[in-house]
Amino acid sequence: MIGAYQLQLVRPDKAGSIFFFPMGARDCYHALSFITWYMDKNRPLPSHKDFDPYREKDFQRRKKKKFPKPLYKSRIPTPEATPEQQAEREKYWRG
């Protein structure tokens, strides 16, 4: 698309391989925010059934560390899976 933003990664290999994220064609900032959400270990896991088996263990791991602030800024809100978990996280952040 002419004039559209597109998220792309350039690998530091000898060939300089480039990987284009097709989901970033409309709004690369939104696509990058989603990838950041997934990769940031201080955020809850994204809402998808594939992550459900790991969600509670991840919540307990972050709780043990007193819910550190996210590593990177994002335009996507990243709440906990349940309102109770979200309230517990906010308690630490206000504390």
Protein backbone atom coordinates (compact mmCIF):
# COMPACT_ATOMS: atom_id res chain seq x y z
CA MET A 1 0.00 0.00 0.00
CA ILE A 2 1.40 3.36 -0.90
CA GLY A 3 1.88 5.57 2.11
CA ALA A 4 0.89 2.88 4.63
CA TYR A 5 2.98 2.02 7.64
CA GLN A 6 4.14 -1.56 7.86
CA LEU A 7 5.99 -3.22 10.68
CA GLN A 8 9.16 -4.97 9.54
CA LEU A 9 12.13 -6.60 11.21
CA VAL A 10 15.61 -6.75 9.77
CA ARG A 11 17.63 -9.69 11.02
CA PRO A 12 21.31 -9.05 11.75
CA ASP A 13 22.47 -11.92 9.53
CA LYS A 14 24.86 -11.66 6.62
CA ALA A 15 22.03 -11.54 4.09
CA GLY A 16 20.13 -8.81 6.00
CA SER A 17 16.89 -10.80 5.89
CA ILE A 18 13.73 -8.74 6.24
CA PHE A 19 10.51 -10.05 7.73
CA PHE A 20 7.30 -8.13 7.10
CA PHE A 21 4.37 -8.40 9.49
CA PRO A 22 1.28 -8.29 7.29
CA MET A 23 -0.86 -7.37 10.30
CA GLY A 24 1.03 -4.08 10.54
CA ALA A 25 0.01 -2.82 7.11
CA ARG A 26 -2.85 -0.67 8.44
CA ASP A 27 -1.37 0.50 11.71
CA CYS A 28 2.15 -0.59 12.55
CA TYR A 29 1.89 1.00 16.00
CA HIS A 30 -1.04 -1.22 16.93
CA ALA A 31 0.76 -4.31 15.61
CA LEU A 32 3.90 -3.44 17.54
CA SER A 33 1.85 -2.90 20.69
CA PHE A 34 0.36 -6.40 20.36
CA ILE A 35 3.80 -7.96 19.87
CA THR A 36 5.10 -5.96 22.83
CA TRP A 37 2.20 -7.23 24.97
CA TYR A 38 3.07 -10.81 24.09
CA MET A 39 6.82 -10.43 24.64
CA ASP A 40 6.83 -8.27 27.80
CA LYS A 41 7.33 -10.61 30.77
CA ASN A 42 5.88 -7.99 33.15
CA ARG A 43 2.48 -7.99 31.40
CA PRO A 44 -0.25 -10.62 31.69
CA LEU A 45 -0.55 -13.08 28.86
CA PRO A 46 -2.75 -11.99 25.93
CA SER A 47 -6.37 -13.05 26.05
CA HIS A 48 -6.55 -16.23 23.99
CA LYS A 49 -7.55 -19.76 24.96
CA ASP A 50 -4.09 -21.08 24.05
CA PHE A 51 -2.61 -19.18 26.99
CA ASP A 52 -5.23 -20.29 29.55
CA PRO A 53 -3.25 -23.28 30.88
CA TYR A 54 -0.34 -20.93 31.72
CA ARG A 55 -2.27 -17.90 32.95
CA GLU A 56 -2.46 -18.68 36.69
CA LYS A 57 1.21 -19.67 36.95
CA ASP A 58 2.20 -16.48 35.13
CA PHE A 59 -0.01 -14.41 37.45
CA GLN A 60 1.59 -15.98 40.56
CA ARG A 61 5.09 -15.39 39.14
CA ARG A 62 4.40 -11.69 38.59
CA LYS A 63 2.65 -11.40 41.97
CA LYS A 64 5.73 -12.83 43.69
CA LYS A 65 7.77 -10.04 42.06
CA LYS A 66 5.12 -7.47 43.20
CA PHE A 67 3.83 -6.88 39.68
CA PRO A 68 6.71 -4.93 38.13
CA LYS A 69 5.73 -2.18 35.69
CA PRO A 70 5.72 -3.14 31.99
CA LEU A 71 9.10 -2.96 30.28
CA TYR A 72 7.83 -1.14 27.21
CA LYS A 73 5.06 1.35 26.41
CA SER A 74 2.03 0.06 24.53
CA ARG A 75 -1.19 1.44 23.08
CA ILE A 76 -3.13 -1.70 24.04
CA PRO A 77 -4.48 -1.97 27.59
CA THR A 78 -3.29 -5.24 29.15
CA PRO A 79 -5.61 -6.12 32.04
CA GLU A 80 -5.46 -9.33 34.01
CA ALA A 81 -7.70 -12.26 33.05
CA THR A 82 -10.18 -11.70 35.89
CA PRO A 83 -11.43 -8.57 37.71
CA GLU A 84 -10.15 -10.04 40.99
CA GLN A 85 -6.63 -10.46 39.59
CA GLN A 86 -6.76 -6.94 38.13
CA ALA A 87 -7.76 -5.51 41.53
CA GLU A 88 -4.88 -7.35 43.20
CA ARG A 89 -2.37 -5.99 40.66
CA GLU A 90 -3.68 -2.43 41.07
CA LYS A 91 -3.31 -2.79 44.85
CA TYR A 92 0.43 -3.36 44.37
CA TRP A 93 0.76 -0.45 41.92
CA ARG A 94 -0.99 1.98 44.27
CA GLY A 95 0.93 0.70 47.27
